[in-house]
Amino acid sequence: MTYSYHILEQLKIFAPRDRLRMHMPGHKGAAFFGRAFPGAARDITELSFSDDLQSPSHIIAAAQRDIAEIVGAKRAFITTDGSSSGVMACVYVASRFGNKLIVPRNSHKSVFNACRILGVEPVIVQGEEHEGVLLPPPAELVEKLVVNDVNIAGMIVASPDYYGNIAPLGDYAAVLKANGRYLFCDGAHGAHLALTADRAGYCGLYADMWVDGAHKTLPTLTQGAYVCVNCADLVHYAEEAMSIFRTTSPSYPVMASVEYGVKYFKINPAALERAREGAEWFRRELSRALTFYPSDDWAKIAVDCKPLGVSPRLVQQKLEKRGIYIEMNDGRYLLFYLSPVTTKGELKRLASALMGAVSARRLRGTYREVPGLPPPAARTYSYLYALKAKTELVPLKGSAGKMIAENVGITPPCLPVLIAGEIITERAVEILSKSSNTFGVYDGMIKVVKR
């Protein structure tokens, strides 16, 4: 099927310089601004021809209908506020059906923020650890929870996660549906999975409502995402949620790029297959020399530095000197985040640079063991109680034994090490003390419940 880029084509018509712009935004498409920010001529507001994201009836409505059709949803809603706004929308809809929500421990901080704002108690579940990475929890645990608590509205789960683990969504969906509950998915890292012929691993095959972070793995500008609904009972609540959590001044270039990113590989399917084949070539070519985390998602390549005995931080520095920038290193893995626009030529360049870096003599013996995430900590009080309790700031070092008053974790990937209401452990203190990028730590201090 042939698709048109509805929003982009309309913006192209408006772009010529002879327009007198007596409307927002304030840069007015001025020449000096356009030189600094190419594409500014297409940065407009709601005009007579440009439709309105809050109540679309023209080009935006057409774009959203096409997106829904492509990914297999009943409805799709473009958002320019990133996947986080979609997560907020999902938790809001869940809150209409219960005041609790099953939340895997390795969920993104936006899930916990949404629970905090909306007064939803997260029922924390944790899967097993495999090679230093938390796996999705088993469906049996989810079933046990929903059978014994009528206040649980359902479950929200990230799939795939940063490392490419794909949750057993079919099993979750079966358990939840059998008990009259809903499955919500944070699919921020998996929009590309919707564009293959079989859509294998795509959360939209099972979820009642989900968010796709188009900007993470598709040719889309940063903050471009879309929220989808497949359950008719949730459509009204989803519309309500989007009206609450989306901005009233969306970026038209970002909106256009969301539509573009989803449609590009439907119009050019061979490009996606070339990228996937390139990723397979990379793993195959380097499999004798490197150990890869067993990702379920071809677009996530995580190289294990532990068996190599080299510091991932130092390898990252060597790559950057050669102009190669990676998604992150977590102290053990180097994470290379691909997309369908990644070429085999780029992967060959990466392979050469990576092998040169990990083979450097000066890096031998530089690996340092990274403490794994702590097991489920003792929970004396609920998440919401701890957030509302009187608090005080104390030094992170020496805080073990106290109750944490807000989530504290590592970014990227913005996952909590401690969740409000848990008792701080020595291992948690060690992990946070050794992490260079954290949230919830203020100049070496953290917030605890005041005794």
Protein backbone atom coordinates (compact mmCIF):
# COMPACT_ATOMS: atom_id res chain seq x y z
CA MET A 1 0.00 0.00 0.00
CA THR A 2 1.22 3.53 -0.80
CA TYR A 3 1.18 6.11 1.98
CA SER A 4 1.48 9.89 1.84
CA TYR A 5 3.35 12.03 4.37
CA HIS A 6 0.29 14.16 5.19
CA ILE A 7 1.81 16.56 7.73
CA LEU A 8 5.18 16.99 6.03
CA GLU A 9 3.64 17.71 2.61
CA GLN A 10 1.43 20.42 4.09
CA LEU A 11 4.42 22.03 5.83
CA LYS A 12 6.35 22.08 2.56
CA ILE A 13 3.57 24.12 0.96
CA PHE A 14 3.78 26.76 3.70
CA ALA A 15 7.58 26.98 3.90
CA PRO A 16 8.42 29.66 1.23
CA ARG A 17 9.98 32.82 2.66
CA ASP A 18 7.36 35.30 1.43
CA ARG A 19 4.94 34.34 4.21
CA LEU A 20 4.14 37.13 6.67
CA ARG A 21 3.96 35.25 9.97
CA MET A 22 1.79 37.12 12.45
CA HIS A 23 1.46 34.07 14.67
CA MET A 24 3.53 31.98 17.05
CA PRO A 25 6.35 30.91 17.39
CA GLY A 26 8.36 34.02 18.09
CA HIS A 27 11.25 33.31 15.75
CA LYS A 28 8.84 34.01 12.80
CA GLY A 29 11.00 31.92 10.48
CA ALA A 30 13.44 34.83 10.25
CA ALA A 31 16.43 34.31 7.97
CA PHE A 32 19.03 34.69 10.76
CA PHE A 33 17.16 32.10 12.85
CA GLY A 34 16.83 29.74 9.91
CA ARG A 35 20.60 29.85 9.40
CA ALA A 36 21.10 28.76 13.02
CA PHE A 37 18.22 26.28 13.02
CA PRO A 38 17.61 24.81 9.56
CA GLY A 39 14.01 23.81 9.04
CA ALA A 40 12.62 26.66 11.13
CA ALA A 41 10.38 27.72 8.24
CA ARG A 42 8.29 24.61 8.89
CA ASP A 43 7.97 25.31 12.61
CA ILE A 44 4.44 26.69 12.84
CA THR A 45 1.42 26.69 15.12
CA GLU A 46 -2.23 25.76 14.64
CA LEU A 47 -3.32 27.64 11.52
CA SER A 48 -6.28 27.38 9.18
CA PHE A 49 -4.57 24.69 7.10
CA SER A 50 -2.41 22.90 9.66
CA ASP A 51 -5.00 21.09 11.80
CA ASP A 52 -4.97 20.88 15.62
CA LEU A 53 -3.51 17.98 17.61
CA GLN A 54 -6.04 18.57 20.39
CA SER A 55 -8.95 18.01 18.00
CA PRO A 56 -7.60 16.74 14.68
CA SER A 57 -9.84 16.62 11.63
CA HIS A 58 -7.48 17.01 8.66
CA ILE A 59 -3.79 16.17 8.11
CA ILE A 60 -3.08 15.10 11.71
CA ALA A 61 -6.20 12.94 11.79
CA ALA A 62 -5.14 11.28 8.53
CA ALA A 63 -1.63 10.69 9.86
CA GLN A 64 -2.95 9.11 13.06
CA ARG A 65 -5.33 6.85 11.12
CA ASP A 66 -2.46 5.65 8.94
CA ILE A 67 -0.21 5.00 11.95
CA ALA A 68 -2.94 2.96 13.63
CA GLU A 69 -3.41 0.91 10.47
CA ILE A 70 0.31 0.27 10.04
CA VAL A 71 0.97 -0.86 13.62
CA GLY A 72 -2.33 -2.73 14.02
CA ALA A 73 -4.14 -0.52 16.53
CA LYS A 74 -7.73 0.69 16.79
CA ARG A 75 -6.52 4.23 17.53
CA ALA A 76 -3.20 6.07 17.52
CA PHE A 77 -2.34 9.43 19.08
CA ILE A 78 0.79 11.36 18.10
CA THR A 79 2.64 13.05 20.94
CA THR A 80 5.59 15.44 20.85
CA ASP A 81 6.30 14.97 24.56
CA GLY A 82 8.27 11.75 24.29
CA SER A 83 7.36 8.30 25.51
CA SER A 84 7.05 9.62 29.05
CA SER A 85 3.80 11.42 28.22
CA GLY A 86 2.48 8.16 26.80
CA VAL A 87 3.43 6.32 29.98
CA MET A 88 1.58 8.99 31.97
CA ALA A 89 -1.46 8.41 29.76
CA CYS A 90 -1.31 4.64 30.31
CA VAL A 91 -1.13 4.97 34.09
CA TYR A 92 -3.97 7.51 34.02
CA VAL A 93 -6.19 5.06 32.14
CA ALA A 94 -5.21 2.28 34.55
CA SER A 95 -6.18 4.51 37.48
CA ARG A 96 -9.77 4.55 36.20
CA PHE A 97 -10.01 0.83 36.96
CA GLY A 98 -8.10 0.43 40.22
CA ASN A 99 -5.70 2.16 42.58
CA LYS A 100 -2.86 -0.36 42.14
CA LEU A 101 -0.76 -1.35 39.14
CA ILE A 102 1.78 -4.15 38.75
CA VAL A 103 5.15 -2.57 37.93
CA PRO A 104 8.37 -4.51 37.24
CA ARG A 105 11.29 -3.19 39.21
CA ASN A 106 13.30 -2.27 36.12
CA SER A 107 10.61 0.09 34.84
CA HIS A 108 11.52 3.57 33.60
CA LYS A 109 11.32 6.42 36.11
CA SER A 110 8.34 7.88 34.21
CA VAL A 111 6.21 4.94 35.37
CA PHE A 112 6.96 5.70 39.00
CA ASN A 113 6.49 9.44 38.42
CA ALA A 114 3.07 8.74 36.91
CA CYS A 115 2.09 6.59 39.90
CA ARG A 116 3.21 9.38 42.22
CA ILE A 117 1.21 12.08 40.46
CA LEU A 118 -1.91 9.97 39.98
CA GLY A 119 -1.95 8.31 43.41
CA VAL A 120 -1.51 4.79 42.06
CA GLU A 121 0.32 2.29 44.26
CA PRO A 122 2.90 0.35 42.22
CA VAL A 123 2.96 -3.34 43.13
CA ILE A 124 6.65 -4.01 42.55
CA VAL A 125 7.65 -7.30 40.95
CA GLN A 126 11.12 -8.47 40.05
CA GLY A 127 12.34 -11.11 37.63
CA GLU A 128 15.52 -13.13 37.84
CA GLU A 129 18.90 -11.68 36.97
CA HIS A 130 20.76 -13.04 33.94
CA GLU A 131 24.34 -11.97 33.31
CA GLY A 132 23.86 -8.78 35.29
CA VAL A 133 20.54 -7.81 33.70
CA LEU A 134 17.10 -8.08 35.28
CA LEU A 135 14.68 -10.19 33.26
CA PRO A 136 10.91 -9.65 33.05
CA PRO A 137 8.97 -11.27 35.92
CA PRO A 138 7.21 -14.59 35.31
CA ALA A 139 3.52 -14.60 34.39
CA GLU A 140 2.82 -16.92 37.33
CA LEU A 141 3.74 -14.12 39.73
CA VAL A 142 1.44 -11.69 37.90
CA GLU A 143 -1.41 -14.20 38.09
CA LYS A 144 -0.92 -14.71 41.82
CA LEU A 145 -1.11 -10.96 42.43
CA VAL A 146 -4.24 -10.22 40.38
CA VAL A 147 -6.14 -13.23 41.73
CA ASN A 148 -5.58 -12.03 45.30
CA ASP A 149 -6.13 -8.27 44.91
CA VAL A 150 -9.21 -6.78 43.22
CA ASN A 151 -7.70 -3.28 43.42
CA ILE A 152 -5.02 -4.08 40.82
CA ALA A 153 -6.06 -2.53 37.50
CA GLY A 154 -3.49 -4.44 35.49
CA MET A 155 0.19 -4.31 34.63
CA ILE A 156 2.54 -1.96 32.83
CA VAL A 157 5.75 -3.43 31.45
CA ALA A 158 8.64 -2.20 29.28
CA SER A 159 9.21 -4.42 26.26
CA PRO A 160 11.77 -4.54 24.80
CA ASP A 161 14.00 -3.10 27.50
CA TYR A 162 17.33 -1.33 27.03
CA TYR A 163 19.12 -4.65 26.55
CA GLY A 164 16.57 -6.05 24.12
CA ASN A 165 14.76 -8.40 26.51
CA ILE A 166 11.22 -8.96 25.24
CA ALA A 167 8.72 -9.77 27.98
CA PRO A 168 6.36 -12.78 27.78
CA LEU A 169 3.55 -10.48 26.72
CA GLY A 170 1.30 -13.24 25.44
CA ASP A 171 1.39 -14.93 28.83
CA TYR A 172 0.77 -11.66 30.66
CA ALA A 173 -2.14 -10.81 28.39
CA ALA A 174 -3.76 -14.21 28.89
CA VAL A 175 -3.52 -14.00 32.67
CA LEU A 176 -4.75 -10.42 32.86
CA LYS A 177 -7.62 -10.90 30.43
CA ALA A 178 -8.81 -14.00 32.26
CA ASN A 179 -9.05 -11.90 35.41
CA GLY A 180 -10.62 -8.82 33.83
CA ARG A 181 -7.46 -6.68 34.00
CA TYR A 182 -5.51 -4.70 31.40
CA LEU A 183 -2.04 -4.89 29.91
CA PHE A 184 -0.25 -1.58 29.33
CA CYS A 185 3.15 -1.49 27.63
CA ASP A 186 6.01 0.95 27.59
CA GLY A 187 7.24 0.09 24.11
CA ALA A 188 9.55 3.09 23.95
CA HIS A 189 12.43 0.98 22.62
CA GLY A 190 10.49 -1.18 20.18
CA ALA A 191 8.70 0.93 17.57
CA HIS A 192 10.75 -0.71 14.80
CA LEU A 193 9.34 -4.13 15.68
CA ALA A 194 5.95 -3.10 14.28
CA LEU A 195 7.35 -2.66 10.79
CA THR A 196 8.49 -6.19 9.98
CA ALA A 197 6.17 -8.57 8.15
CA ASP A 198 5.36 -10.71 11.20
CA ARG A 199 5.76 -7.93 13.84
CA ALA A 200 7.46 -10.54 16.08
CA GLY A 201 8.02 -9.27 19.62
CA TYR A 202 5.96 -6.12 19.08
CA CYS A 203 3.99 -5.14 22.17
CA GLY A 204 1.03 -4.02 20.07
CA LEU A 205 0.24 -7.69 19.37
CA TYR A 206 -0.84 -8.15 22.99
CA ALA A 207 -1.28 -4.85 24.85
CA ASP A 208 -4.58 -3.09 25.45
CA MET A 209 -2.77 0.26 25.38
CA TRP A 210 0.87 1.09 24.70
CA VAL A 211 3.34 3.80 23.76
CA ASP A 212 5.94 3.58 20.98
CA GLY A 213 8.95 5.88 21.18
CA ALA A 214 9.33 6.54 17.47
CA HIS A 215 12.34 8.79 18.03
CA LYS A 216 14.34 6.02 19.71
CA THR A 217 14.53 3.57 16.81
CA LEU A 218 12.91 5.21 13.77
CA PRO A 219 13.94 8.21 11.60
CA THR A 220 12.03 10.62 13.85
CA LEU A 221 13.03 13.78 15.70
CA THR A 222 13.67 13.54 19.43
CA GLN A 223 10.49 13.54 21.57
CA GLY A 224 8.38 12.13 18.76
CA ALA A 225 6.19 9.24 19.91
CA TYR A 226 2.68 7.85 19.62
CA VAL A 227 0.20 6.14 21.93
CA CYS A 228 -1.99 3.28 20.70
CA VAL A 229 -5.16 1.62 21.96
CA ASN A 230 -6.50 -1.77 20.98
CA CYS A 231 -9.27 -2.14 23.56
CA ALA A 232 -12.49 -0.29 22.71
CA ASP A 233 -13.29 0.15 26.42
CA LEU A 234 -10.17 2.29 26.86
CA VAL A 235 -10.46 4.63 23.88
CA HIS A 236 -12.46 7.35 25.67
CA TYR A 237 -10.11 7.31 28.66
CA ALA A 238 -7.09 7.42 26.35
CA GLU A 239 -8.48 10.50 24.59
CA GLU A 240 -9.00 12.09 27.99
CA ALA A 241 -5.47 11.21 29.08
CA MET A 242 -3.85 12.59 25.94
CA SER A 243 -5.71 15.88 26.38
CA ILE A 244 -4.24 16.12 29.89
CA PHE A 245 -0.63 15.09 29.31
CA ARG A 246 0.16 16.37 25.81
CA THR A 247 1.30 19.93 25.26
CA THR A 248 -1.14 22.38 23.66
CA SER A 249 1.74 23.76 21.59
CA PRO A 250 3.11 20.70 19.76
CA SER A 251 6.06 20.92 17.40
CA TYR A 252 4.85 20.46 13.83
CA PRO A 253 8.26 19.26 12.60
CA VAL A 254 8.27 16.64 15.37
CA MET A 255 4.71 15.56 14.51
CA ALA A 256 5.63 15.33 10.84
CA SER A 257 8.68 13.26 11.69
CA VAL A 258 6.61 10.78 13.73
CA GLU A 259 4.42 10.10 10.71
CA TYR A 260 7.51 10.00 8.49
CA GLY A 261 9.35 7.53 10.72
CA VAL A 262 6.48 5.05 10.87
CA LYS A 263 5.76 5.20 7.14
CA TYR A 264 9.30 5.30 5.77
CA PHE A 265 9.92 1.59 6.14
CA LYS A 266 6.47 0.66 4.90
CA ILE A 267 7.30 2.62 1.77
CA ASN A 268 10.92 1.35 1.73
CA PRO A 269 10.78 -2.15 3.32
CA ALA A 270 14.09 -3.26 1.82
CA ALA A 271 15.93 -0.64 3.91
CA LEU A 272 14.75 -2.23 7.15
CA GLU A 273 15.79 -5.69 6.03
CA ARG A 274 19.25 -4.42 5.05
CA ALA A 275 19.70 -2.93 8.52
CA ARG A 276 18.65 -6.15 10.24
CA GLU A 277 20.97 -8.19 8.03
CA GLY A 278 23.79 -5.77 8.88
CA ALA A 279 23.22 -6.31 12.60
CA GLU A 280 23.25 -10.07 12.11
CA TRP A 281 26.51 -9.75 10.13
CA PHE A 282 28.08 -7.73 12.97
CA ARG A 283 27.24 -10.33 15.61
CA ARG A 284 28.35 -13.20 13.39
CA GLU A 285 31.60 -11.50 12.35
CA LEU A 286 32.68 -10.71 15.91
CA SER A 287 31.18 -13.68 17.76
CA ARG A 288 34.55 -15.45 18.16
CA ALA A 289 36.20 -12.45 19.75
CA LEU A 290 33.35 -10.87 21.72
CA THR A 291 30.59 -12.00 24.05
CA PHE A 292 27.19 -10.47 23.35
CA TYR A 293 24.27 -10.23 25.74
CA PRO A 294 21.58 -12.58 24.32
CA SER A 295 19.19 -9.87 23.15
CA ASP A 296 15.78 -10.74 21.71
CA ASP A 297 15.87 -7.55 19.64
CA TRP A 298 18.23 -7.27 16.66
CA ALA A 299 18.57 -3.51 17.16
CA LYS A 300 20.21 -3.81 20.59
CA ILE A 301 23.84 -4.95 20.66
CA ALA A 302 25.39 -5.21 24.12
CA VAL A 303 29.06 -6.22 24.29
CA ASP A 304 30.13 -7.81 27.57
CA CYS A 305 33.44 -6.34 28.76
CA LYS A 306 33.77 -8.71 31.73
CA PRO A 307 35.26 -11.68 29.82
CA LEU A 308 37.52 -9.27 27.94
CA GLY A 309 38.89 -7.85 31.19
CA VAL A 310 38.65 -4.28 29.89
CA SER A 311 36.91 -1.23 31.29
CA PRO A 312 33.84 -0.31 29.23
CA ARG A 313 34.38 3.32 30.20
CA LEU A 314 37.88 3.31 28.71
CA VAL A 315 36.67 1.50 25.58
CA GLN A 316 33.96 4.11 25.21
CA GLN A 317 36.56 6.87 25.43
CA LYS A 318 38.65 5.24 22.70
CA LEU A 319 35.62 4.94 20.44
CA GLU A 320 34.73 8.59 20.97
CA LYS A 321 38.24 9.61 19.93
CA ARG A 322 37.43 7.93 16.62
CA GLY A 323 34.12 9.77 16.34
CA ILE A 324 31.91 6.87 17.46
CA TYR A 325 29.33 7.57 20.17
CA ILE A 326 27.42 4.78 21.90
CA GLU A 327 24.13 4.70 23.79
CA MET A 328 25.72 3.97 27.17
CA ASN A 329 27.98 1.78 29.23
CA ASP A 330 26.64 0.42 32.51
CA GLY A 331 29.98 -0.62 33.99
CA ARG A 332 29.85 -4.02 32.30
CA TYR A 333 28.17 -3.72 28.91
CA LEU A 334 28.76 -1.39 26.00
CA LEU A 335 25.33 -0.81 24.49
CA PHE A 336 25.10 -0.04 20.78
CA TYR A 337 21.65 1.16 19.86
CA LEU A 338 20.85 0.52 16.21
CA SER A 339 17.88 1.46 14.07
CA PRO A 340 16.61 0.55 10.61
CA VAL A 341 18.68 3.43 9.18
CA THR A 342 21.97 1.94 10.43
CA THR A 343 24.02 0.80 7.43
CA LYS A 344 26.36 -2.15 7.05
CA GLY A 345 29.13 0.30 6.20
CA GLU A 346 28.65 2.00 9.58
CA LEU A 347 28.69 -1.37 11.33
CA LYS A 348 31.95 -2.29 9.56
CA ARG A 349 33.48 0.95 10.79
CA LEU A 350 32.24 0.17 14.31
CA ALA A 351 33.58 -3.40 14.16
CA SER A 352 37.06 -2.20 13.19
CA ALA A 353 37.18 0.50 15.86
CA LEU A 354 35.73 -1.72 18.55
CA MET A 355 38.18 -4.55 17.98
CA GLY A 356 41.03 -2.08 18.02
CA ALA A 357 39.84 -0.60 21.31
CA VAL A 358 39.20 -3.83 23.23
CA SER A 359 42.53 -5.26 22.03
CA ALA A 360 44.58 -2.32 23.27
CA ARG A 361 47.33 -3.46 25.66
CA ARG A 362 46.83 -0.51 27.96
CA LEU A 363 43.25 -1.63 28.64
CA ARG A 364 44.07 -5.16 29.71
CA GLY A 365 43.13 -5.84 33.32
CA THR A 366 41.18 -2.58 33.70
CA TYR A 367 37.76 -4.20 34.22
CA ARG A 368 36.30 -3.77 37.70
CA GLU A 369 33.40 -5.88 38.95
CA VAL A 370 30.14 -3.98 39.08
CA PRO A 371 27.78 -4.85 41.92
CA GLY A 372 24.50 -6.24 40.62
CA LEU A 373 21.16 -4.67 41.42
CA PRO A 374 20.02 -5.51 44.95
CA PRO A 375 17.39 -8.18 45.52
CA PRO A 376 13.91 -6.94 46.49
CA ALA A 377 14.47 -4.77 49.56
CA ALA A 378 12.39 -4.91 52.70
CA ARG A 379 9.28 -2.78 52.33
CA THR A 380 7.92 -1.47 55.62
CA TYR A 381 5.45 0.98 54.13
CA SER A 382 3.89 1.62 50.73
CA TYR A 383 5.41 3.69 47.93
CA LEU A 384 2.77 6.41 48.29
CA TYR A 385 3.15 6.56 52.07
CA ALA A 386 6.89 7.13 51.82
CA LEU A 387 6.39 9.91 49.27
CA LYS A 388 4.03 11.77 51.62
CA ALA A 389 5.99 11.23 54.84
CA LYS A 390 8.16 13.88 56.50
CA THR A 391 11.67 13.67 55.10
CA GLU A 392 15.24 14.74 55.68
CA LEU A 393 18.42 14.77 53.62
CA VAL A 394 21.24 12.52 54.83
CA PRO A 395 24.60 11.55 53.32
CA LEU A 396 24.32 8.60 50.94
CA LYS A 397 27.26 6.95 52.62
CA GLY A 398 26.06 5.73 55.98
CA SER A 399 22.37 5.76 55.00
CA ALA A 400 21.91 1.97 55.07
CA GLY A 401 19.04 0.93 57.32
CA LYS A 402 16.97 4.06 56.71
CA MET A 403 13.80 4.19 54.58
CA ILE A 404 14.20 5.89 51.22
CA ALA A 405 11.65 8.66 50.67
CA GLU A 406 11.86 8.92 46.88
CA ASN A 407 13.22 6.84 44.04
CA VAL A 408 16.96 6.90 43.55
CA GLY A 409 18.63 5.37 40.53
CA ILE A 410 21.03 5.44 37.61
CA THR A 411 20.66 7.30 34.33
CA PRO A 412 20.84 6.18 31.66
CA PRO A 413 18.78 4.01 31.62
CA CYS A 414 16.73 5.88 34.28
CA LEU A 415 16.01 2.77 36.35
CA PRO A 416 15.62 2.89 40.15
CA VAL A 417 18.09 1.20 42.48
CA LEU A 418 15.88 2.11 45.45
CA ILE A 419 12.13 2.65 45.35
CA ALA A 420 10.32 4.87 47.87
CA GLY A 421 9.31 2.86 50.94
CA GLU A 422 12.24 0.42 50.76
CA ILE A 423 14.95 0.08 53.37
CA ILE A 424 18.34 1.20 52.06
CA THR A 425 20.90 -1.61 51.82
CA GLU A 426 24.68 -1.48 51.80
CA ARG A 427 24.71 -2.85 48.26
CA ALA A 428 22.41 -0.07 47.07
CA VAL A 429 24.71 2.51 48.64
CA GLU A 430 27.70 0.91 46.90
CA ILE A 431 25.98 0.90 43.49
CA LEU A 432 24.93 4.53 43.75
CA SER A 433 28.30 5.66 45.12
CA LYS A 434 30.10 4.13 42.11
CA SER A 435 27.69 5.57 39.52
CA SER A 436 28.61 8.81 37.78
CA ASN A 437 25.08 9.63 36.58
CA THR A 438 22.27 9.31 39.10
CA PHE A 439 18.87 10.75 39.93
CA GLY A 440 17.61 11.35 43.47
CA VAL A 441 21.13 12.06 44.76
CA TYR A 442 21.79 15.70 45.65
CA ASP A 443 25.48 16.53 46.17
CA GLY A 444 26.03 13.20 47.89
CA MET A 445 22.79 13.44 49.90
CA ILE A 446 19.58 11.44 49.57
CA LYS A 447 16.08 11.94 50.93
CA VAL A 448 14.91 9.53 53.64
CA VAL A 449 11.80 9.25 55.80
CA LYS A 450 12.35 11.24 58.97
CA ARG A 451 12.16 9.23 62.16
